[in-house]
């Protein structure tokens, strides 16, 4: 029964190997914020296509780099959620006017 009393050595919320990952946690937070922003602004109004497409594009790039340097499953899971939201927001923003729609008319 000693295993039932073993302390949780997982570390923080995002580090399952017991070590801190400040770069990966920062990339995760930035990707989630950009993805949620892109997704919400794409759904609210078509006139926000510049915001949704640019935040979606930056969120996709940030999430892709985060996937490349991630070390734990928890980081990858959060990055995939952020990447999905950023991708949907980016494509809806592109469908509503794109990255430069209306700026150079």
C-alpha atoms as a PDB file:
ATOM      1  CA  UNK A   1       0.000   0.000   0.000  1.00  0.00           C
ATOM      2  CA  UNK A   2       3.008   2.298  -0.092  1.00  0.00           C
ATOM      3  CA  UNK A   3       2.199   3.320  -3.640  1.00  0.00           C
ATOM      4  CA  UNK A   4      -1.128   4.773  -2.481  1.00  0.00           C
ATOM      5  CA  UNK A   5       0.726   7.254  -0.260  1.00  0.00           C
ATOM      6  CA  UNK A   6       3.292   8.320  -2.844  1.00  0.00           C
ATOM      7  CA  UNK A   7       3.334  12.115  -3.312  1.00  0.00           C
ATOM      8  CA  UNK A   8       2.499  13.687  -6.635  1.00  0.00           C
ATOM      9  CA  UNK A   9       5.866  14.415  -8.259  1.00  0.00           C
ATOM     10  CA  UNK A  10       4.451  15.646 -11.563  1.00  0.00           C
ATOM     11  CA  UNK A  11       5.509  19.235 -10.885  1.00  0.00           C
ATOM     12  CA  UNK A  12       3.413  21.996 -12.361  1.00  0.00           C
ATOM     13  CA  UNK A  13       0.274  21.931 -14.411  1.00  0.00           C
ATOM     14  CA  UNK A  14       2.085  21.757 -17.756  1.00  0.00           C
ATOM     15  CA  UNK A  15       5.251  19.827 -16.863  1.00  0.00           C
ATOM     16  CA  UNK A  16       4.640  16.121 -16.357  1.00  0.00           C
ATOM     17  CA  UNK A  17       8.350  15.302 -16.146  1.00  0.00           C
ATOM     18  CA  UNK A  18       8.920  17.368 -13.000  1.00  0.00           C
ATOM     19  CA  UNK A  19      11.023  20.050 -14.688  1.00  0.00           C
ATOM     20  CA  UNK A  20       9.978  23.613 -15.558  1.00  0.00           C
ATOM     21  CA  UNK A  21       9.441  24.488 -19.218  1.00  0.00           C
ATOM     22  CA  UNK A  22       9.123  28.287 -19.351  1.00  0.00           C
ATOM     23  CA  UNK A  23       9.514  28.620 -23.141  1.00  0.00           C
ATOM     24  CA  UNK A  24       6.981  25.902 -23.889  1.00  0.00           C
ATOM     25  CA  UNK A  25       4.508  27.238 -21.329  1.00  0.00           C
ATOM     26  CA  UNK A  26       4.812  30.727 -22.797  1.00  0.00           C
ATOM     27  CA  UNK A  27       4.259  29.436 -26.327  1.00  0.00           C
ATOM     28  CA  UNK A  28       1.253  27.477 -25.082  1.00  0.00           C
ATOM     29  CA  UNK A  29      -0.303  30.530 -23.426  1.00  0.00           C
ATOM     30  CA  UNK A  30       0.347  32.780 -26.436  1.00  0.00           C
ATOM     31  CA  UNK A  31      -1.070  30.207 -28.850  1.00  0.00           C
ATOM     32  CA  UNK A  32      -4.205  29.751 -26.755  1.00  0.00           C
ATOM     33  CA  UNK A  33      -4.783  33.512 -26.417  1.00  0.00           C
ATOM     34  CA  UNK A  34      -4.237  34.141 -30.127  1.00  0.00           C
ATOM     35  CA  UNK A  35      -6.389  31.167 -31.110  1.00  0.00           C
ATOM     36  CA  UNK A  36      -9.283  32.164 -28.873  1.00  0.00           C
ATOM     37  CA  UNK A  37      -9.038  35.782 -30.018  1.00  0.00           C
ATOM     38  CA  UNK A  38      -9.009  34.764 -33.665  1.00  0.00           C
ATOM     39  CA  UNK A  39     -11.888  32.339 -33.258  1.00  0.00           C
ATOM     40  CA  UNK A  40     -14.127  34.711 -31.282  1.00  0.00           C
ATOM     41  CA  UNK A  41     -13.517  37.734 -33.521  1.00  0.00           C
ATOM     42  CA  UNK A  42     -14.190  35.650 -36.635  1.00  0.00           C
ATOM     43  CA  UNK A  43     -17.542  34.565 -35.225  1.00  0.00           C
ATOM     44  CA  UNK A  44     -18.635  37.964 -33.866  1.00  0.00           C
ATOM     45  CA  UNK A  45     -18.433  40.178 -36.931  1.00  0.00           C
ATOM     46  CA  UNK A  46     -17.232  39.899 -40.533  1.00  0.00           C
ATOM     47  CA  UNK A  47     -15.727  43.397 -40.316  1.00  0.00           C
ATOM     48  CA  UNK A  48     -13.131  42.095 -37.849  1.00  0.00           C
ATOM     49  CA  UNK A  49     -11.514  39.965 -40.566  1.00  0.00           C
ATOM     50  CA  UNK A  50      -8.188  41.795 -40.278  1.00  0.00           C
ATOM     51  CA  UNK A  51      -7.921  41.003 -36.573  1.00  0.00           C
ATOM     52  CA  UNK A  52      -9.103  37.422 -36.901  1.00  0.00           C
ATOM     53  CA  UNK A  53      -6.921  36.575 -39.895  1.00  0.00           C
ATOM     54  CA  UNK A  54      -3.726  38.107 -38.482  1.00  0.00           C
ATOM     55  CA  UNK A  55      -4.149  36.683 -34.985  1.00  0.00           C
ATOM     56  CA  UNK A  56      -4.985  33.326 -36.549  1.00  0.00           C
ATOM     57  CA  UNK A  57      -1.870  33.394 -38.723  1.00  0.00           C
ATOM     58  CA  UNK A  58       0.409  34.357 -35.840  1.00  0.00           C
ATOM     59  CA  UNK A  59      -1.318  31.757 -33.640  1.00  0.00           C
ATOM     60  CA  UNK A  60      -0.690  29.048 -36.230  1.00  0.00           C
ATOM     61  CA  UNK A  61       2.985  29.980 -36.512  1.00  0.00           C
ATOM     62  CA  UNK A  62       3.411  30.196 -32.734  1.00  0.00           C
ATOM     63  CA  UNK A  63       1.629  26.888 -32.213  1.00  0.00           C
ATOM     64  CA  UNK A  64       3.687  25.159 -34.896  1.00  0.00           C
ATOM     65  CA  UNK A  65       6.912  26.271 -33.249  1.00  0.00           C
ATOM     66  CA  UNK A  66       5.507  25.263 -29.875  1.00  0.00           C
ATOM     67  CA  UNK A  67       4.770  21.788 -31.211  1.00  0.00           C
ATOM     68  CA  UNK A  68       8.312  21.552 -32.501  1.00  0.00           C
ATOM     69  CA  UNK A  69       9.916  22.363 -29.132  1.00  0.00           C
ATOM     70  CA  UNK A  70       7.286  20.841 -26.798  1.00  0.00           C
ATOM     71  CA  UNK A  71       8.415  18.154 -24.396  1.00  0.00           C
ATOM     72  CA  UNK A  72       5.297  16.871 -22.642  1.00  0.00           C
ATOM     73  CA  UNK A  73       1.898  15.593 -23.666  1.00  0.00           C
ATOM     74  CA  UNK A  74       0.116  18.311 -21.690  1.00  0.00           C
ATOM     75  CA  UNK A  75       1.904  21.006 -23.676  1.00  0.00           C
ATOM     76  CA  UNK A  76       1.046  19.324 -26.971  1.00  0.00           C
ATOM     77  CA  UNK A  77      -2.601  18.944 -25.988  1.00  0.00           C
ATOM     78  CA  UNK A  78      -2.991  22.642 -25.201  1.00  0.00           C
ATOM     79  CA  UNK A  79      -1.101  23.619 -28.327  1.00  0.00           C
ATOM     80  CA  UNK A  80      -3.406  21.516 -30.491  1.00  0.00           C
ATOM     81  CA  UNK A  81      -6.443  23.258 -28.980  1.00  0.00           C
ATOM     82  CA  UNK A  82      -4.895  26.658 -29.670  1.00  0.00           C
ATOM     83  CA  UNK A  83      -3.851  25.643 -33.171  1.00  0.00           C
ATOM     84  CA  UNK A  84      -7.356  24.439 -33.977  1.00  0.00           C
ATOM     85  CA  UNK A  85      -8.961  27.660 -32.786  1.00  0.00           C
ATOM     86  CA  UNK A  86      -6.350  29.762 -34.607  1.00  0.00           C
ATOM     87  CA  UNK A  87      -6.843  27.761 -37.800  1.00  0.00           C
ATOM     88  CA  UNK A  88     -10.612  28.131 -37.783  1.00  0.00           C
ATOM     89  CA  UNK A  89     -10.355  31.849 -36.984  1.00  0.00           C
ATOM     90  CA  UNK A  90      -7.721  32.332 -39.679  1.00  0.00           C
ATOM     91  CA  UNK A  91      -9.765  30.619 -42.378  1.00  0.00           C
ATOM     92  CA  UNK A  92     -12.963  32.440 -41.422  1.00  0.00           C
ATOM     93  CA  UNK A  93     -11.030  35.720 -41.453  1.00  0.00           C
ATOM     94  CA  UNK A  94      -9.675  34.879 -44.890  1.00  0.00           C
ATOM     95  CA  UNK A  95     -13.174  34.056 -46.125  1.00  0.00           C
ATOM     96  CA  UNK A  96     -14.494  37.393 -44.829  1.00  0.00           C
ATOM     97  CA  UNK A  97     -11.845  39.573 -46.446  1.00  0.00           C
ATOM     98  CA  UNK A  98      -8.370  38.264 -45.811  1.00  0.00           C
ATOM     99  CA  UNK A  99      -5.197  39.714 -44.396  1.00  0.00           C
ATOM    100  CA  UNK A 100      -5.295  42.935 -46.418  1.00  0.00           C
ATOM    101  CA  UNK A 101      -8.934  43.076 -47.552  1.00  0.00           C
ATOM    102  CA  UNK A 102     -10.087  46.664 -47.887  1.00  0.00           C
ATOM    103  CA  UNK A 103      -6.717  48.250 -47.054  1.00  0.00           C
ATOM    104  CA  UNK A 104      -5.451  48.704 -50.606  1.00  0.00           C
ATOM    105  CA  UNK A 105      -8.666  49.461 -52.519  1.00  0.00           C
END
